[in-house]
Amino acid sequence: MSDSSNDDLERRSSFRLDMEKELVDIIWTDESGQERTKKIVCLDFARGGLKLDCDITLPEQTAVTILFKSANSNNEKLFGKVLRCIKQDNGWFEIAITLDKDK
C-alpha cells in the first residue's frame, strides 16, 4: 500500500490560495478602447497569478486590473495580463492571469 499523503503534495513552487469561487471584479480596455468591468469567479490565487472562470473570452496579453472586495472601502487591487484563455466544454472560459511584479 502506498502513502496517499505523497499523492496529495502540492507540486507548485509558490503559495496558492483556493478562492472557493469568490467573486472579483476585473477591469480592462477592449479592442475598441472602451473600459469594461465584469464581476467574475476567481478559482485560484497564487503569487504568480490567478485562474478565473468567465463567460466571455479575453485576448492574450490584455492588461487587466483585478479588484478584490470592490464594495469594501479597503479593497485590494492587483494588476496583470491575460496569459491564456481556454474555452471549456461547458462554453465558459478558464482565464489565466499573470501578475505584474512591478506594481
PDB file of N, CA and C in Angstrom:
ATOM      1  N   MET A   1       0.843  -1.172   0.000  1.00  0.00           N
ATOM      2  CA  MET A   1       0.000   0.000   0.000  1.00  0.00           C
ATOM      3  C   MET A   1       0.895   1.244   0.000  1.00  0.00           C
ATOM      4  N   SER A   2       0.528   2.227  -0.788  1.00  0.00           N
ATOM      5  CA  SER A   2       1.339   3.447  -0.849  1.00  0.00           C
ATOM      6  C   SER A   2       0.800   4.500   0.104  1.00  0.00           C
ATOM      7  N   ASP A   3       1.658   5.415   0.455  1.00  0.00           N
ATOM      8  CA  ASP A   3       1.276   6.518   1.331  1.00  0.00           C
ATOM      9  C   ASP A   3       0.536   7.559   0.493  1.00  0.00           C
ATOM     10  N   SER A   4      -0.777   7.686   0.696  1.00  0.00           N
ATOM     11  CA  SER A   4      -1.585   8.594  -0.134  1.00  0.00           C
ATOM     12  C   SER A   4      -1.259  10.055   0.115  1.00  0.00           C
ATOM     13  N   SER A   5      -0.634  10.376   1.243  1.00  0.00           N
ATOM     14  CA  SER A   5      -0.298  11.777   1.504  1.00  0.00           C
ATOM     15  C   SER A   5       0.723  12.283   0.497  1.00  0.00           C
ATOM     16  N   ASN A   6       1.575  11.413  -0.031  1.00  0.00           N
ATOM     17  CA  ASN A   6       2.530  11.825  -1.053  1.00  0.00           C
ATOM     18  C   ASN A   6       1.834  12.191  -2.349  1.00  0.00           C
ATOM     19  N   ASP A   7       0.708  11.552  -2.644  1.00  0.00           N
ATOM     20  CA  ASP A   7      -0.051  11.850  -3.860  1.00  0.00           C
ATOM     21  C   ASP A   7      -0.702  13.217  -3.793  1.00  0.00           C
ATOM     22  N   ASP A   8      -0.970  13.713  -2.603  1.00  0.00           N
ATOM     23  CA  ASP A   8      -1.677  14.971  -2.424  1.00  0.00           C
ATOM     24  C   ASP A   8      -0.747  16.170  -2.271  1.00  0.00           C
ATOM     25  N   LEU A   9       0.561  15.972  -2.372  1.00  0.00           N
ATOM     26  CA  LEU A   9       1.500  17.071  -2.204  1.00  0.00           C
ATOM     27  C   LEU A   9       1.330  18.101  -3.308  1.00  0.00           C
ATOM     28  N   GLU A  10       1.436  19.350  -2.953  1.00  0.00           N
ATOM     29  CA  GLU A  10       1.375  20.452  -3.920  1.00  0.00           C
ATOM     30  C   GLU A  10       2.661  20.462  -4.719  1.00  0.00           C
ATOM     31  N   ARG A  11       2.552  20.465  -6.039  1.00  0.00           N
ATOM     32  CA  ARG A  11       3.734  20.420  -6.888  1.00  0.00           C
ATOM     33  C   ARG A  11       4.185  21.804  -7.316  1.00  0.00           C
ATOM     34  N   ARG A  12       3.413  22.833  -7.019  1.00  0.00           N
ATOM     35  CA  ARG A  12       3.812  24.187  -7.379  1.00  0.00           C
ATOM     36  C   ARG A  12       4.862  24.686  -6.411  1.00  0.00           C
ATOM     37  N   SER A  13       5.714  25.578  -6.901  1.00  0.00           N
ATOM     38  CA  SER A  13       6.777  26.092  -6.041  1.00  0.00           C
ATOM     39  C   SER A  13       6.335  27.323  -5.269  1.00  0.00           C
ATOM     40  N   SER A  14       5.178  27.903  -5.613  1.00  0.00           N
ATOM     41  CA  SER A  14       4.717  29.095  -4.905  1.00  0.00           C
ATOM     42  C   SER A  14       3.432  28.803  -4.146  1.00  0.00           C
ATOM     43  N   PHE A  15       3.157  29.639  -3.185  1.00  0.00           N
ATOM     44  CA  PHE A  15       1.953  29.552  -2.373  1.00  0.00           C
ATOM     45  C   PHE A  15       0.718  29.711  -3.249  1.00  0.00           C
ATOM     46  N   ARG A  16      -0.322  28.949  -2.986  1.00  0.00           N
ATOM     47  CA  ARG A  16      -1.574  29.048  -3.727  1.00  0.00           C
ATOM     48  C   ARG A  16      -2.717  29.118  -2.731  1.00  0.00           C
ATOM     49  N   LEU A  17      -3.716  29.943  -3.024  1.00  0.00           N
ATOM     50  CA  LEU A  17      -4.876  30.111  -2.161  1.00  0.00           C
ATOM     51  C   LEU A  17      -6.114  29.712  -2.933  1.00  0.00           C
ATOM     52  N   ASP A  18      -6.868  28.734  -2.440  1.00  0.00           N
ATOM     53  CA  ASP A  18      -8.121  28.334  -3.072  1.00  0.00           C
ATOM     54  C   ASP A  18      -9.158  29.404  -2.769  1.00  0.00           C
ATOM     55  N   MET A  19      -9.643  30.070  -3.802  1.00  0.00           N
ATOM     56  CA  MET A  19     -10.575  31.188  -3.609  1.00  0.00           C
ATOM     57  C   MET A  19     -12.010  30.724  -3.417  1.00  0.00           C
ATOM     58  N   GLU A  20     -12.264  29.427  -3.537  1.00  0.00           N
ATOM     59  CA  GLU A  20     -13.592  28.873  -3.314  1.00  0.00           C
ATOM     60  C   GLU A  20     -14.670  29.640  -4.065  1.00  0.00           C
ATOM     61  N   LYS A  21     -14.367  29.967  -5.318  1.00  0.00           N
ATOM     62  CA  LYS A  21     -15.308  30.632  -6.229  1.00  0.00           C
ATOM     63  C   LYS A  21     -15.732  32.014  -5.741  1.00  0.00           C
ATOM     64  N   GLU A  22     -14.783  32.745  -5.165  1.00  0.00           N
ATOM     65  CA  GLU A  22     -15.027  34.124  -4.753  1.00  0.00           C
ATOM     66  C   GLU A  22     -15.208  35.005  -5.982  1.00  0.00           C
ATOM     67  N   LEU A  23     -16.112  35.969  -5.896  1.00  0.00           N
ATOM     68  CA  LEU A  23     -16.294  36.916  -6.980  1.00  0.00           C
ATOM     69  C   LEU A  23     -15.280  38.044  -6.862  1.00  0.00           C
ATOM     70  N   VAL A  24     -14.695  38.418  -8.000  1.00  0.00           N
ATOM     71  CA  VAL A  24     -13.788  39.552  -8.089  1.00  0.00           C
ATOM     72  C   VAL A  24     -14.240  40.388  -9.280  1.00  0.00           C
ATOM     73  N   ASP A  25     -13.851  41.643  -9.291  1.00  0.00           N
ATOM     74  CA  ASP A  25     -14.104  42.487 -10.447  1.00  0.00           C
ATOM     75  C   ASP A  25     -12.837  42.551 -11.273  1.00  0.00           C
ATOM     76  N   ILE A  26     -12.984  42.446 -12.593  1.00  0.00           N
ATOM     77  CA  ILE A  26     -11.851  42.682 -13.465  1.00  0.00           C
ATOM     78  C   ILE A  26     -12.172  43.886 -14.338  1.00  0.00           C
ATOM     79  N   ILE A  27     -11.144  44.667 -14.606  1.00  0.00           N
ATOM     80  CA  ILE A  27     -11.285  45.877 -15.417  1.00  0.00           C
ATOM     81  C   ILE A  27     -10.247  45.789 -16.525  1.00  0.00           C
ATOM     82  N   TRP A  28     -10.678  46.034 -17.765  1.00  0.00           N
ATOM     83  CA  TRP A  28      -9.775  46.007 -18.906  1.00  0.00           C
ATOM     84  C   TRP A  28     -10.305  46.939 -19.982  1.00  0.00           C
ATOM     85  N   THR A  29      -9.469  47.221 -20.958  1.00  0.00           N
ATOM     86  CA  THR A  29      -9.862  48.031 -22.099  1.00  0.00           C
ATOM     87  C   THR A  29     -10.017  47.105 -23.299  1.00  0.00           C
ATOM     88  N   ASP A  30     -11.204  47.130 -23.925  1.00  0.00           N
ATOM     89  CA  ASP A  30     -11.447  46.226 -25.053  1.00  0.00           C
ATOM     90  C   ASP A  30     -10.814  46.751 -26.341  1.00  0.00           C
ATOM     91  N   GLU A  31     -11.009  46.022 -27.423  1.00  0.00           N
ATOM     92  CA  GLU A  31     -10.383  46.347 -28.712  1.00  0.00           C
ATOM     93  C   GLU A  31     -10.802  47.712 -29.247  1.00  0.00           C
ATOM     94  N   SER A  32     -11.982  48.191 -28.857  1.00  0.00           N
ATOM     95  CA  SER A  32     -12.469  49.486 -29.341  1.00  0.00           C
ATOM     96  C   SER A  32     -12.063  50.639 -28.424  1.00  0.00           C
ATOM     97  N   GLY A  33     -11.261  50.347 -27.379  1.00  0.00           N
ATOM     98  CA  GLY A  33     -10.798  51.391 -26.470  1.00  0.00           C
ATOM     99  C   GLY A  33     -11.747  51.679 -25.323  1.00  0.00           C
ATOM    100  N   GLN A  34     -12.812  50.912 -25.189  1.00  0.00           N
ATOM    101  CA  GLN A  34     -13.808  51.070 -24.126  1.00  0.00           C
ATOM    102  C   GLN A  34     -13.349  50.353 -22.863  1.00  0.00           C
ATOM    103  N   GLU A  35     -13.374  51.046 -21.713  1.00  0.00           N
ATOM    104  CA  GLU A  35     -13.054  50.378 -20.452  1.00  0.00           C
ATOM    105  C   GLU A  35     -14.240  49.517 -20.053  1.00  0.00           C
ATOM    106  N   ARG A  36     -13.961  48.268 -19.718  1.00  0.00           N
ATOM    107  CA  ARG A  36     -15.004  47.319 -19.349  1.00  0.00           C
ATOM    108  C   ARG A  36     -14.738  46.811 -17.934  1.00  0.00           C
ATOM    109  N   THR A  37     -15.805  46.521 -17.233  1.00  0.00           N
ATOM    110  CA  THR A  37     -15.735  45.937 -15.894  1.00  0.00           C
ATOM    111  C   THR A  37     -16.668  44.746 -15.851  1.00  0.00           C
ATOM    112  N   LYS A  38     -16.214  43.674 -15.234  1.00  0.00           N
ATOM    113  CA  LYS A  38     -17.047  42.475 -15.129  1.00  0.00           C
ATOM    114  C   LYS A  38     -16.761  41.785 -13.813  1.00  0.00           C
ATOM    115  N   LYS A  39     -17.809  41.330 -13.171  1.00  0.00           N
ATOM    116  CA  LYS A  39     -17.688  40.538 -11.945  1.00  0.00           C
ATOM    117  C   LYS A  39     -17.616  39.077 -12.370  1.00  0.00           C
ATOM    118  N   ILE A  40     -16.509  38.401 -11.978  1.00  0.00           N
ATOM    119  CA  ILE A  40     -16.325  37.010 -12.370  1.00  0.00           C
ATOM    120  C   ILE A  40     -15.810  36.181 -11.194  1.00  0.00           C
ATOM    121  N   VAL A  41     -15.760  34.885 -11.403  1.00  0.00           N
ATOM    122  CA  VAL A  41     -15.364  33.946 -10.360  1.00  0.00           C
ATOM    123  C   VAL A  41     -13.859  33.711 -10.411  1.00  0.00           C
ATOM    124  N   CYS A  42     -13.215  33.861  -9.261  1.00  0.00           N
ATOM    125  CA  CYS A  42     -11.795  33.551  -9.112  1.00  0.00           C
ATOM    126  C   CYS A  42     -11.695  32.138  -8.535  1.00  0.00           C
ATOM    127  N   LEU A  43     -11.011  31.256  -9.251  1.00  0.00           N
ATOM    128  CA  LEU A  43     -10.884  29.874  -8.807  1.00  0.00           C
ATOM    129  C   LEU A  43      -9.648  29.642  -7.945  1.00  0.00           C
ATOM    130  N   ASP A  44      -8.526  30.212  -8.361  1.00  0.00           N
ATOM    131  CA  ASP A  44      -7.262  30.044  -7.644  1.00  0.00           C
ATOM    132  C   ASP A  44      -6.492  31.346  -7.644  1.00  0.00           C
ATOM    133  N   PHE A  45      -5.723  31.542  -6.583  1.00  0.00           N
ATOM    134  CA  PHE A  45      -4.881  32.728  -6.465  1.00  0.00           C
ATOM    135  C   PHE A  45      -3.528  32.283  -5.948  1.00  0.00           C
ATOM    136  N   ALA A  46      -2.460  32.666  -6.642  1.00  0.00           N
ATOM    137  CA  ALA A  46      -1.095  32.326  -6.237  1.00  0.00           C
ATOM    138  C   ALA A  46      -0.231  33.568  -6.391  1.00  0.00           C
ATOM    139  N   ARG A  47       0.996  33.499  -5.910  1.00  0.00           N
ATOM    140  CA  ARG A  47       1.899  34.657  -6.034  1.00  0.00           C
ATOM    141  C   ARG A  47       2.089  35.060  -7.481  1.00  0.00           C
ATOM    142  N   GLY A  48       2.104  34.092  -8.370  1.00  0.00           N
ATOM    143  CA  GLY A  48       2.358  34.373  -9.777  1.00  0.00           C
ATOM    144  C   GLY A  48       1.150  34.815 -10.566  1.00  0.00           C
ATOM    145  N   GLY A  49      -0.065  34.501 -10.086  1.00  0.00           N
ATOM    146  CA  GLY A  49      -1.239  34.873 -10.857  1.00  0.00           C
ATOM    147  C   GLY A  49      -2.529  34.292 -10.327  1.00  0.00           C
ATOM    148  N   LEU A  50      -3.544  34.362 -11.180  1.00  0.00           N
ATOM    149  CA  LEU A  50      -4.877  33.913 -10.818  1.00  0.00           C
ATOM    150  C   LEU A  50      -5.457  33.057 -11.919  1.00  0.00           C
ATOM    151  N   LYS A  51      -6.396  32.207 -11.550  1.00  0.00           N
ATOM    152  CA  LYS A  51      -7.181  31.458 -12.516  1.00  0.00           C
ATOM    153  C   LYS A  51      -8.630  31.889 -12.321  1.00  0.00           C
ATOM    154  N   LEU A  52      -9.253  32.332 -13.414  1.00  0.00           N
ATOM    155  CA  LEU A  52     -10.605  32.867 -13.374  1.00  0.00           C
ATOM    156  C   LEU A  52     -11.530  32.031 -14.240  1.00  0.00           C
ATOM    157  N   ASP A  53     -12.815  32.081 -13.945  1.00  0.00           N
ATOM    158  CA  ASP A  53     -13.848  31.390 -14.713  1.00  0.00           C
ATOM    159  C   ASP A  53     -14.797  32.454 -15.235  1.00  0.00           C
ATOM    160  N   CYS A  54     -14.923  32.570 -16.563  1.00  0.00           N
ATOM    161  CA  CYS A  54     -15.658  33.688 -17.138  1.00  0.00           C
ATOM    162  C   CYS A  54     -16.501  33.231 -18.328  1.00  0.00           C
ATOM    163  N   ASP A  55     -17.603  33.938 -18.569  1.00  0.00           N
ATOM    164  CA  ASP A  55     -18.483  33.595 -19.682  1.00  0.00           C
ATOM    165  C   ASP A  55     -18.092  34.279 -20.990  1.00  0.00           C
ATOM    166  N   ILE A  56     -17.050  35.102 -20.965  1.00  0.00           N
ATOM    167  CA  ILE A  56     -16.556  35.742 -22.186  1.00  0.00           C
ATOM    168  C   ILE A  56     -15.063  35.481 -22.317  1.00  0.00           C
ATOM    169  N   THR A  57     -14.564  35.629 -23.528  1.00  0.00           N
ATOM    170  CA  THR A  57     -13.138  35.449 -23.775  1.00  0.00           C
ATOM    171  C   THR A  57     -12.409  36.780 -23.640  1.00  0.00           C
ATOM    172  N   LEU A  58     -11.175  36.716 -23.194  1.00  0.00           N
ATOM    173  CA  LEU A  58     -10.294  37.882 -23.162  1.00  0.00           C
ATOM    174  C   LEU A  58      -9.041  37.526 -23.945  1.00  0.00           C
ATOM    175  N   PRO A  59      -8.624  38.386 -24.879  1.00  0.00           N
ATOM    176  CA  PRO A  59      -7.436  38.084 -25.681  1.00  0.00           C
ATOM    177  C   PRO A  59      -6.173  37.994 -24.819  1.00  0.00           C
ATOM    178  N   GLU A  60      -5.265  37.113 -25.221  1.00  0.00           N
ATOM    179  CA  GLU A  60      -3.974  37.013 -24.536  1.00  0.00           C
ATOM    180  C   GLU A  60      -3.266  38.355 -24.569  1.00  0.00           C
ATOM    181  N   GLN A  61      -2.519  38.646 -23.511  1.00  0.00           N
ATOM    182  CA  GLN A  61      -1.753  39.882 -23.312  1.00  0.00           C
ATOM    183  C   GLN A  61      -2.619  41.096 -22.971  1.00  0.00           C
ATOM    184  N   THR A  62      -3.937  40.910 -22.796  1.00  0.00           N
ATOM    185  CA  THR A  62      -4.792  42.016 -22.368  1.00  0.00           C
ATOM    186  C   THR A  62      -4.419  42.414 -20.945  1.00  0.00           C
ATOM    187  N   ALA A  63      -4.154  43.697 -20.728  1.00  0.00           N
ATOM    188  CA  ALA A  63      -3.857  44.202 -19.386  1.00  0.00           C
ATOM    189  C   ALA A  63      -5.156  44.258 -18.587  1.00  0.00           C
ATOM    190  N   VAL A  64      -5.118  43.755 -17.359  1.00  0.00           N
ATOM    191  CA  VAL A  64      -6.300  43.738 -16.508  1.00  0.00           C
ATOM    192  C   VAL A  64      -5.957  44.242 -15.107  1.00  0.00           C
ATOM    193  N   THR A  65      -6.964  44.818 -14.466  1.00  0.00           N
ATOM    194  CA  THR A  65      -6.900  45.152 -13.051  1.00  0.00           C
ATOM    195  C   THR A  65      -7.875  44.234 -12.351  1.00  0.00           C
ATOM    196  N   ILE A  66      -7.431  43.582 -11.286  1.00  0.00           N
ATOM    197  CA  ILE A  66      -8.283  42.694 -10.506  1.00  0.00           C
ATOM    198  C   ILE A  66      -8.587  43.394  -9.196  1.00  0.00           C
ATOM    199  N   LEU A  67      -9.856  43.504  -8.893  1.00  0.00           N
ATOM    200  CA  LEU A  67     -10.293  44.215  -7.696  1.00  0.00           C
ATOM    201  C   LEU A  67     -10.990  43.233  -6.764  1.00  0.00           C
ATOM    202  N   PHE A  68     -10.379  42.995  -5.607  1.00  0.00           N
ATOM    203  CA  PHE A  68     -10.961  42.126  -4.582  1.00  0.00           C
ATOM    204  C   PHE A  68     -11.808  42.968  -3.644  1.00  0.00           C
ATOM    205  N   LYS A  69     -12.972  42.462  -3.273  1.00  0.00           N
ATOM    206  CA  LYS A  69     -13.870  43.145  -2.334  1.00  0.00           C
ATOM    207  C   LYS A  69     -14.160  44.568  -2.795  1.00  0.00           C
ATOM    208  N   SER A  70     -14.671  44.698  -4.012  1.00  0.00           N
ATOM    209  CA  SER A  70     -14.884  46.015  -4.619  1.00  0.00           C
ATOM    210  C   SER A  70     -15.859  46.887  -3.829  1.00  0.00           C
ATOM    211  N   ALA A  71     -16.787  46.289  -3.118  1.00  0.00           N
ATOM    212  CA  ALA A  71     -17.759  47.070  -2.354  1.00  0.00           C
ATOM    213  C   ALA A  71     -17.194  47.571  -1.036  1.00  0.00           C
ATOM    214  N   ASN A  72     -16.040  47.070  -0.651  1.00  0.00           N
ATOM    215  CA  ASN A  72     -15.423  47.411   0.623  1.00  0.00           C
ATOM    216  C   ASN A  72     -14.451  48.580   0.433  1.00  0.00           C
ATOM    217  N   SER A  73     -14.418  49.492   1.369  1.00  0.00           N
ATOM    218  CA  SER A  73     -13.536  50.656   1.256  1.00  0.00           C
ATOM    219  C   SER A  73     -12.058  50.284   1.300  1.00  0.00           C
ATOM    220  N   ASN A  74     -11.704  49.179   1.951  1.00  0.00           N
ATOM    221  CA  ASN A  74     -10.303  48.740   1.935  1.00  0.00           C
ATOM    222  C   ASN A  74     -10.155  47.557   0.980  1.00  0.00           C
ATOM    223  N   ASN A  75     -10.576  47.792  -0.279  1.00  0.00           N
ATOM    224  CA  ASN A  75     -10.427  46.763  -1.302  1.00  0.00           C
ATOM    225  C   ASN A  75      -8.968  46.663  -1.745  1.00  0.00           C
ATOM    226  N   GLU A  76      -8.667  45.624  -2.455  1.00  0.00           N
ATOM    227  CA  GLU A  76      -7.299  45.373  -2.902  1.00  0.00           C
ATOM    228  C   GLU A  76      -7.272  45.275  -4.418  1.00  0.00           C
ATOM    229  N   LYS A  77      -6.310  45.974  -5.045  1.00  0.00           N
ATOM    230  CA  LYS A  77      -6.151  45.937  -6.497  1.00  0.00           C
ATOM    231  C   LYS A  77      -4.856  45.244  -6.854  1.00  0.00           C
ATOM    232  N   LEU A  78      -4.929  44.382  -7.862  1.00  0.00           N
ATOM    233  CA  LEU A  78      -3.753  43.760  -8.440  1.00  0.00           C
ATOM    234  C   LEU A  78      -3.776  44.018  -9.937  1.00  0.00           C
ATOM    235  N   PHE A  79      -2.607  44.005 -10.559  1.00  0.00           N
ATOM    236  CA  PHE A  79      -2.500  44.285 -11.985  1.00  0.00           C
ATOM    237  C   PHE A  79      -1.821  43.119 -12.674  1.00  0.00           C
ATOM    238  N   GLY A  80      -2.291  42.794 -13.862  1.00  0.00           N
ATOM    239  CA  GLY A  80      -1.694  41.683 -14.587  1.00  0.00           C
ATOM    240  C   GLY A  80      -2.077  41.684 -16.051  1.00  0.00           C
ATOM    241  N   LYS A  81      -1.755  40.558 -16.701  1.00  0.00           N
ATOM    242  CA  LYS A  81      -2.066  40.368 -18.113  1.00  0.00           C
ATOM    243  C   LYS A  81      -2.613  38.966 -18.319  1.00  0.00           C
ATOM    244  N   VAL A  82      -3.468  38.834 -19.329  1.00  0.00           N
ATOM    245  CA  VAL A  82      -4.018  37.524 -19.660  1.00  0.00           C
ATOM    246  C   VAL A  82      -2.901  36.675 -20.268  1.00  0.00           C
ATOM    247  N   LEU A  83      -2.640  35.554 -19.624  1.00  0.00           N
ATOM    248  CA  LEU A  83      -1.620  34.622 -20.102  1.00  0.00           C
ATOM    249  C   LEU A  83      -2.232  33.654 -21.113  1.00  0.00           C
ATOM    250  N   ARG A  84      -3.414  33.145 -20.781  1.00  0.00           N
ATOM    251  CA  ARG A  84      -4.133  32.259 -21.695  1.00  0.00           C
ATOM    252  C   ARG A  84      -5.623  32.296 -21.378  1.00  0.00           C
ATOM    253  N   CYS A  85      -6.409  31.943 -22.381  1.00  0.00           N
ATOM    254  CA  CYS A  85      -7.867  31.905 -22.250  1.00  0.00           C
ATOM    255  C   CYS A  85      -8.339  30.668 -23.007  1.00  0.00           C
ATOM    256  N   ILE A  86      -8.818  29.682 -22.277  1.00  0.00           N
ATOM    257  CA  ILE A  86      -9.162  28.389 -22.862  1.00  0.00           C
ATOM    258  C   ILE A  86     -10.652  28.135 -22.701  1.00  0.00           C
ATOM    259  N   LYS A  87     -11.311  27.859 -23.839  1.00  0.00           N
ATOM    260  CA  LYS A  87     -12.738  27.546 -23.795  1.00  0.00           C
ATOM    261  C   LYS A  87     -12.935  26.152 -23.214  1.00  0.00           C
ATOM    262  N   GLN A  88     -13.820  26.041 -22.240  1.00  0.00           N
ATOM    263  CA  GLN A  88     -14.115  24.778 -21.579  1.00  0.00           C
ATOM    264  C   GLN A  88     -15.280  24.078 -22.277  1.00  0.00           C
ATOM    265  N   ASP A  89     -15.507  22.821 -21.943  1.00  0.00           N
ATOM    266  CA  ASP A  89     -16.602  22.047 -22.538  1.00  0.00           C
ATOM    267  C   ASP A  89     -17.968  22.665 -22.261  1.00  0.00           C
ATOM    268  N   ASN A  90     -18.084  23.383 -21.135  1.00  0.00           N
ATOM    269  CA  ASN A  90     -19.364  23.992 -20.769  1.00  0.00           C
ATOM    270  C   ASN A  90     -19.608  25.336 -21.469  1.00  0.00           C
ATOM    271  N   GLY A  91     -18.659  25.773 -22.326  1.00  0.00           N
ATOM    272  CA  GLY A  91     -18.814  27.024 -23.063  1.00  0.00           C
ATOM    273  C   GLY A  91     -18.201  28.233 -22.374  1.00  0.00           C
ATOM    274  N   TRP A  92     -17.808  28.098 -21.104  1.00  0.00           N
ATOM    275  CA  TRP A  92     -17.166  29.183 -20.371  1.00  0.00           C
ATOM    276  C   TRP A  92     -15.671  29.148 -20.641  1.00  0.00           C
ATOM    277  N   PHE A  93     -14.966  30.166 -20.168  1.00  0.00           N
ATOM    278  CA  PHE A  93     -13.542  30.287 -20.428  1.00  0.00           C
ATOM    279  C   PHE A  93     -12.760  30.266 -19.121  1.00  0.00           C
ATOM    280  N   GLU A  94     -11.679  29.485 -19.111  1.00  0.00           N
ATOM    281  CA  GLU A  94     -10.744  29.493 -17.996  1.00  0.00           C
ATOM    282  C   GLU A  94      -9.641  30.468 -18.389  1.00  0.00           C
ATOM    283  N   ILE A  95      -9.508  31.530 -17.608  1.00  0.00           N
ATOM    284  CA  ILE A  95      -8.561  32.590 -17.925  1.00  0.00           C
ATOM    285  C   ILE A  95      -7.440  32.580 -16.896  1.00  0.00           C
ATOM    286  N   ALA A  96      -6.217  32.489 -17.389  1.00  0.00           N
ATOM    287  CA  ALA A  96      -5.038  32.547 -16.517  1.00  0.00           C
ATOM    288  C   ALA A  96      -4.461  33.955 -16.616  1.00  0.00           C
ATOM    289  N   ILE A  97      -4.281  34.605 -15.471  1.00  0.00           N
ATOM    290  CA  ILE A  97      -3.724  35.956 -15.385  1.00  0.00           C
ATOM    291  C   ILE A  97      -2.359  35.860 -14.701  1.00  0.00           C
ATOM    292  N   THR A  98      -1.366  36.438 -15.321  1.00  0.00           N
ATOM    293  CA  THR A  98      -0.050  36.541 -14.677  1.00  0.00           C
ATOM    294  C   THR A  98       0.052  37.936 -14.066  1.00  0.00           C
ATOM    295  N   LEU A  99       0.500  38.023 -12.827  1.00  0.00           N
ATOM    296  CA  LEU A  99       0.543  39.298 -12.119  1.00  0.00           C
ATOM    297  C   LEU A  99       1.791  40.081 -12.476  1.00  0.00           C
ATOM    298  N   ASP A 100       1.634  41.408 -12.568  1.00  0.00           N
ATOM    299  CA  ASP A 100       2.774  42.302 -12.774  1.00  0.00           C
ATOM    300  C   ASP A 100       3.562  42.359 -11.482  1.00  0.00           C
ATOM    301  N   LYS A 101       4.826  42.097 -11.539  1.00  0.00           N
ATOM    302  CA  LYS A 101       5.665  42.118 -10.337  1.00  0.00           C
ATOM    303  C   LYS A 101       6.101  43.522  -9.965  1.00  0.00           C
ATOM    304  N   ASP A 102       5.994  44.465 -10.913  1.00  0.00           N
ATOM    305  CA  ASP A 102       6.440  45.834 -10.669  1.00  0.00           C
ATOM    306  C   ASP A 102       5.398  46.711  -9.999  1.00  0.00           C
ATOM    307  N   LYS A 103       4.164  46.253  -9.913  1.00  0.00           N
ATOM    308  CA  LYS A 103       3.095  47.104  -9.370  1.00  0.00           C
ATOM    309  C   LYS A 103       2.619  46.605  -8.042  1.00  0.00           C
TER     310      LYS A 103
END
